[in-house]
Amino acid sequence: MTTDMTYLSRIRINPLREKSRVLLASPHAMHGAVMYGIPDAPTDQRILWRLDADDPRRPMLFVLTATRPDWSHLVEQSGWPDADGEHAAIRDYAPLLAQLAVGREFAFRLTANPVQNTSTPTKPTATQLERAAETKRRSFRIGHRTADQQLTWFLSRTQRWGFEVPPAHTDPPALGLHPGDGQQPPTPYEVRIVARERRSFRKKSNGAKPVVLHTATFEGRLRITDVAAFTDKLVGGIGPAKSYGCGLLTLAPLPGPR
């Protein structure tokens, strides 16, 4: 995805609509609906999206695109087309990208699919063994399932993504929400997992095997250490399963002076 013309959209979803229930239940269906909002060769660009359903009565869909989208179909089929308010806000990303600098701090949110690649899984599933035999691959991609594993995955990669998470100014996080082996809590950081999900869905209705993803939503504070690397991840996404609602890192001003 280029940074010349990048847009961040926020679409209000009405969970009571019939079409909305389909989209909310299947990342594959939501991916298709998102792709319909890009008029020109959507397969030629990286499209990132994330569904924030902290309030199940007011889910919000965020989408990052390299060209200006049109979300009329989502508003008509899955939103509140006759209600007041801004149904689909579309903002140019350039002003935010221009603010990026080493040392600059932001609040952030990211839903990711933390995984590990290993050639010796301790308990490979039948599906993993079958796929390995079909593709003759010697390694397995296995999703991290515990909060401890997922947070360790995140914190061990931030430097290569162009940022760091500062040490926390508060008490250590709750049990299970810190990296380490659980024996001696390490230095707490300004990040927490606010949601964890196991998503299972089918890409086709002909009996194909389901896709299973273990996702975690991270929130916290970050400090930029490498503008080029950070920009690349901001517009290109983080981790696997980007087509299915993972990888979109969004920023916000910090809530107060630091």
Protein backbone atom coordinates (compact mmCIF):
# COMPACT_ATOMS: atom_id res chain seq x y z
CA MET A 1 0.00 0.00 0.00
CA THR A 2 1.36 3.38 -0.91
CA THR A 3 1.29 6.31 1.48
CA ASP A 4 0.54 8.88 -1.25
CA MET A 5 -3.23 8.51 -1.04
CA THR A 6 -4.33 6.51 1.98
CA TYR A 7 -7.72 6.70 3.67
CA LEU A 8 -9.01 5.49 7.02
CA SER A 9 -12.74 4.83 7.18
CA ARG A 10 -15.07 4.24 10.12
CA ILE A 11 -18.45 2.65 9.35
CA ARG A 12 -21.28 2.26 11.84
CA ILE A 13 -22.84 -1.23 11.79
CA ASN A 14 -26.41 -1.92 12.91
CA PRO A 15 -26.29 -5.40 14.51
CA LEU A 16 -30.05 -5.88 14.17
CA ARG A 17 -29.99 -5.93 10.37
CA GLU A 18 -30.10 -9.34 8.70
CA LYS A 19 -27.08 -8.61 6.51
CA SER A 20 -25.16 -7.32 9.52
CA ARG A 21 -25.59 -10.59 11.37
CA VAL A 22 -23.97 -12.42 8.46
CA LEU A 23 -21.04 -10.00 8.35
CA LEU A 24 -20.51 -9.99 12.10
CA ALA A 25 -20.45 -13.79 12.21
CA SER A 26 -17.98 -14.36 9.39
CA PRO A 27 -14.67 -12.57 8.73
CA HIS A 28 -14.80 -14.07 5.23
CA ALA A 29 -18.17 -12.40 4.54
CA MET A 30 -16.96 -9.11 6.02
CA HIS A 31 -13.85 -9.23 3.84
CA GLY A 32 -16.07 -9.57 0.77
CA ALA A 33 -18.22 -6.62 1.82
CA VAL A 34 -15.12 -4.49 2.38
CA MET A 35 -13.73 -5.37 -1.05
CA TYR A 36 -16.96 -4.19 -2.69
CA GLY A 37 -16.25 -0.69 -1.40
CA ILE A 38 -13.12 -0.31 -3.56
CA PRO A 39 -14.06 0.60 -7.15
CA ASP A 40 -10.72 0.20 -8.94
CA ALA A 41 -8.86 -3.13 -8.91
CA PRO A 42 -9.11 -3.82 -5.18
CA THR A 43 -6.90 -6.90 -5.55
CA ASP A 44 -3.98 -4.65 -6.51
CA GLN A 45 -3.79 -3.03 -3.07
CA ARG A 46 -3.49 -4.10 0.53
CA ILE A 47 -6.76 -3.45 2.35
CA LEU A 48 -6.79 -3.63 6.13
CA TRP A 49 -9.88 -3.76 8.28
CA ARG A 50 -10.86 -4.30 11.90
CA LEU A 51 -14.19 -4.77 13.62
CA ASP A 52 -14.45 -3.14 17.04
CA ALA A 53 -17.40 -4.59 18.92
CA ASP A 54 -16.65 -3.42 22.45
CA ASP A 55 -20.24 -2.19 22.52
CA PRO A 56 -22.20 -5.02 20.84
CA ARG A 57 -25.05 -2.60 20.17
CA ARG A 58 -22.79 -0.25 18.18
CA PRO A 59 -20.08 -2.20 16.33
CA MET A 60 -17.63 -0.07 14.37
CA LEU A 61 -15.82 -1.20 11.23
CA PHE A 62 -12.46 0.45 10.48
CA VAL A 63 -10.92 0.11 7.01
CA LEU A 64 -7.62 1.39 5.61
CA THR A 65 -7.41 1.71 1.82
CA ALA A 66 -4.97 3.14 -0.71
CA THR A 67 -7.78 4.75 -2.75
CA ARG A 68 -10.93 6.56 -1.67
CA PRO A 69 -13.70 4.01 -1.03
CA ASP A 70 -17.49 4.13 -1.25
CA TRP A 71 -19.38 2.47 1.61
CA SER A 72 -22.91 3.14 0.34
CA HIS A 73 -23.67 -0.57 0.14
CA LEU A 74 -22.64 -1.16 3.76
CA VAL A 75 -24.68 1.79 5.02
CA GLU A 76 -27.74 0.69 3.04
CA GLN A 77 -27.57 -3.00 3.94
CA SER A 78 -25.93 -3.02 7.37
CA GLY A 79 -26.16 0.46 8.87
CA TRP A 80 -28.73 3.14 9.73
CA PRO A 81 -29.29 4.78 6.31
CA ASP A 82 -32.14 7.02 7.52
CA ALA A 83 -30.71 8.00 10.91
CA ASP A 84 -28.83 11.14 11.84
CA GLY A 85 -25.06 11.22 12.16
CA GLU A 86 -22.07 10.33 10.05
CA HIS A 87 -22.61 6.77 8.87
CA ALA A 88 -19.29 6.29 7.07
CA ALA A 89 -16.52 8.70 7.98
CA ILE A 90 -13.61 8.75 5.50
CA ARG A 91 -10.45 10.61 6.46
CA ASP A 92 -7.25 11.29 4.55
CA TYR A 93 -4.36 9.55 6.34
CA ALA A 94 -1.72 12.04 5.13
CA PRO A 95 -2.02 14.46 8.10
CA LEU A 96 -1.39 11.61 10.55
CA LEU A 97 1.54 10.21 8.55
CA ALA A 98 3.09 13.67 8.50
CA GLN A 99 3.14 13.70 12.31
CA LEU A 100 5.24 10.55 12.63
CA ALA A 101 8.66 11.16 14.16
CA VAL A 102 11.12 9.27 16.32
CA GLY A 103 10.15 9.68 19.96
CA ARG A 104 6.53 10.64 19.21
CA GLU A 105 4.03 8.77 21.39
CA PHE A 106 0.48 7.67 20.63
CA ALA A 107 -2.27 5.57 22.12
CA PHE A 108 -2.85 2.54 19.91
CA ARG A 109 -5.17 -0.37 19.20
CA LEU A 110 -4.40 -3.52 17.23
CA THR A 111 -6.23 -6.77 16.61
CA ALA A 112 -3.69 -9.38 15.54
CA ASN A 113 -3.33 -13.10 14.90
CA PRO A 114 -0.30 -14.06 17.02
CA VAL A 115 1.31 -17.19 15.60
CA GLN A 116 4.52 -19.16 15.67
CA ASN A 117 6.15 -21.13 12.88
CA THR A 118 7.59 -24.40 14.11
CA SER A 119 8.72 -27.68 12.61
CA THR A 120 8.06 -29.60 15.83
CA PRO A 121 4.58 -28.81 17.18
CA THR A 122 3.88 -30.61 20.42
CA LYS A 123 0.30 -31.51 19.54
CA PRO A 124 -0.36 -31.00 15.80
CA THR A 125 -3.99 -31.29 14.83
CA ALA A 126 -5.19 -33.70 12.17
CA THR A 127 -5.82 -30.75 9.87
CA GLN A 128 -2.28 -29.45 10.30
CA LEU A 129 -0.81 -32.87 9.58
CA GLU A 130 -2.99 -33.23 6.49
CA ARG A 131 -2.05 -29.79 5.15
CA ALA A 132 1.63 -30.49 5.76
CA ALA A 133 1.36 -33.73 3.80
CA GLU A 134 -0.50 -32.03 0.95
CA THR A 135 1.93 -29.13 0.60
CA LYS A 136 5.08 -31.02 1.67
CA ARG A 137 5.83 -28.25 4.12
CA ARG A 138 8.13 -28.96 7.02
CA SER A 139 6.87 -26.21 9.28
CA PHE A 140 3.54 -25.47 10.92
CA ARG A 141 1.90 -22.12 11.63
CA ILE A 142 0.28 -22.43 15.03
CA GLY A 143 -1.77 -19.77 16.72
CA HIS A 144 -0.82 -18.66 20.23
CA ARG A 145 -3.81 -19.41 22.45
CA THR A 146 -3.01 -17.96 25.88
CA ALA A 147 -2.86 -14.29 26.83
CA ASP A 148 0.68 -14.81 28.11
CA GLN A 149 1.86 -16.21 24.77
CA GLN A 150 0.05 -13.55 22.77
CA LEU A 151 1.46 -10.66 24.79
CA THR A 152 4.97 -12.11 24.60
CA TRP A 153 4.57 -12.44 20.82
CA PHE A 154 3.60 -8.77 20.59
CA LEU A 155 6.29 -7.32 22.85
CA SER A 156 9.07 -9.37 21.26
CA ARG A 157 8.36 -7.86 17.83
CA THR A 158 7.72 -4.17 18.43
CA GLN A 159 11.30 -3.09 17.69
CA ARG A 160 11.22 -4.62 14.22
CA TRP A 161 7.87 -2.88 13.68
CA GLY A 162 9.46 0.51 14.39
CA PHE A 163 8.17 1.24 17.88
CA GLU A 164 8.50 0.35 21.53
CA VAL A 165 6.00 0.08 24.36
CA PRO A 166 7.21 2.08 27.37
CA PRO A 167 7.26 0.57 30.87
CA ALA A 168 4.01 1.10 32.72
CA HIS A 169 3.61 3.88 35.26
CA THR A 170 1.04 1.81 37.15
CA ASP A 171 0.94 -1.39 39.15
CA PRO A 172 1.71 -4.68 37.35
CA PRO A 173 -1.11 -5.94 35.10
CA ALA A 174 -3.50 -8.64 36.20
CA LEU A 175 -2.37 -12.26 36.28
CA GLY A 176 -2.24 -13.78 32.81
CA LEU A 177 -1.81 -10.44 31.05
CA HIS A 178 1.97 -10.14 31.25
CA PRO A 179 4.79 -11.85 29.36
CA GLY A 180 6.91 -14.49 31.05
CA ASP A 181 6.44 -17.88 32.63
CA GLY A 182 4.02 -16.74 35.30
CA GLN A 183 6.49 -17.25 38.18
CA GLN A 184 8.05 -13.80 38.61
CA PRO A 185 6.16 -10.93 36.96
CA PRO A 186 8.52 -8.99 34.67
CA THR A 187 8.50 -5.24 34.19
CA PRO A 188 4.94 -4.28 33.20
CA TYR A 189 4.45 -2.35 29.98
CA GLU A 190 1.89 0.15 28.74
CA VAL A 191 -0.15 -2.47 26.89
CA ARG A 192 -3.00 -4.79 27.73
CA ILE A 193 -5.10 -7.36 25.95
CA VAL A 194 -8.70 -6.14 25.91
CA ALA A 195 -10.24 -8.97 23.89
CA ARG A 196 -9.37 -12.51 22.83
CA GLU A 197 -11.30 -14.65 20.37
CA ARG A 198 -11.27 -17.99 18.63
CA ARG A 199 -12.78 -17.38 15.21
CA SER A 200 -13.95 -20.30 13.11
CA PHE A 201 -15.56 -19.81 9.70
CA ARG A 202 -15.80 -21.40 6.28
CA LYS A 203 -14.62 -19.71 3.11
CA LYS A 204 -16.97 -21.85 1.02
CA SER A 205 -20.31 -23.55 1.66
CA ASN A 206 -19.40 -26.83 -0.05
CA GLY A 207 -18.15 -28.57 3.06
CA ALA A 208 -14.65 -27.10 2.98
CA LYS A 209 -12.74 -27.25 6.23
CA PRO A 210 -13.17 -24.23 8.48
CA VAL A 211 -10.53 -21.59 8.96
CA VAL A 212 -9.63 -21.20 12.65
CA LEU A 213 -7.94 -18.05 13.98
CA HIS A 214 -6.91 -17.12 17.51
CA THR A 215 -6.94 -13.33 17.78
CA ALA A 216 -5.99 -10.81 20.44
CA THR A 217 -6.78 -7.11 20.63
CA PHE A 218 -4.02 -5.00 22.16
CA GLU A 219 -4.39 -1.48 23.53
CA GLY A 220 -1.78 0.77 25.06
CA ARG A 221 0.86 3.41 24.45
CA LEU A 222 3.70 3.27 21.95
CA ARG A 223 6.76 5.33 21.14
CA ILE A 224 8.10 5.48 17.57
CA THR A 225 11.72 4.34 17.14
CA ASP A 226 11.98 3.98 13.35
CA VAL A 227 9.67 6.08 11.17
CA ALA A 228 10.16 4.07 7.96
CA ALA A 229 9.53 0.70 9.61
CA PHE A 230 6.59 2.07 11.59
CA THR A 231 4.98 3.64 8.52
CA ASP A 232 5.36 0.36 6.65
CA LYS A 233 3.45 -1.50 9.36
CA LEU A 234 0.92 1.26 9.83
CA VAL A 235 -0.17 1.14 6.19
CA GLY A 236 0.77 -2.48 5.41
CA GLY A 237 -0.45 -4.26 8.51
CA ILE A 238 0.99 -6.45 11.24
CA GLY A 239 1.05 -10.23 11.32
CA PRO A 240 -0.98 -12.79 9.33
CA ALA A 241 -4.73 -13.06 8.59
CA LYS A 242 -4.98 -9.49 7.27
CA SER A 243 -7.88 -10.43 5.00
CA TYR A 244 -9.84 -11.56 8.03
CA GLY A 245 -9.75 -8.48 10.22
CA CYS A 246 -6.25 -8.67 11.67
CA GLY A 247 -3.25 -6.38 11.36
CA LEU A 248 -4.74 -2.87 11.33
CA LEU A 249 -2.89 -0.66 13.82
CA THR A 250 -4.74 2.56 14.63
CA LEU A 251 -3.43 5.56 16.57
CA ALA A 252 -4.99 8.21 18.77
CA PRO A 253 -3.69 11.14 20.79
CA LEU A 254 -2.72 10.24 24.33
CA PRO A 255 -5.44 11.13 26.86
CA GLY A 256 -3.28 13.60 28.76
CA PRO A 257 0.21 15.08 29.13
CA ARG A 258 3.03 12.62 29.69
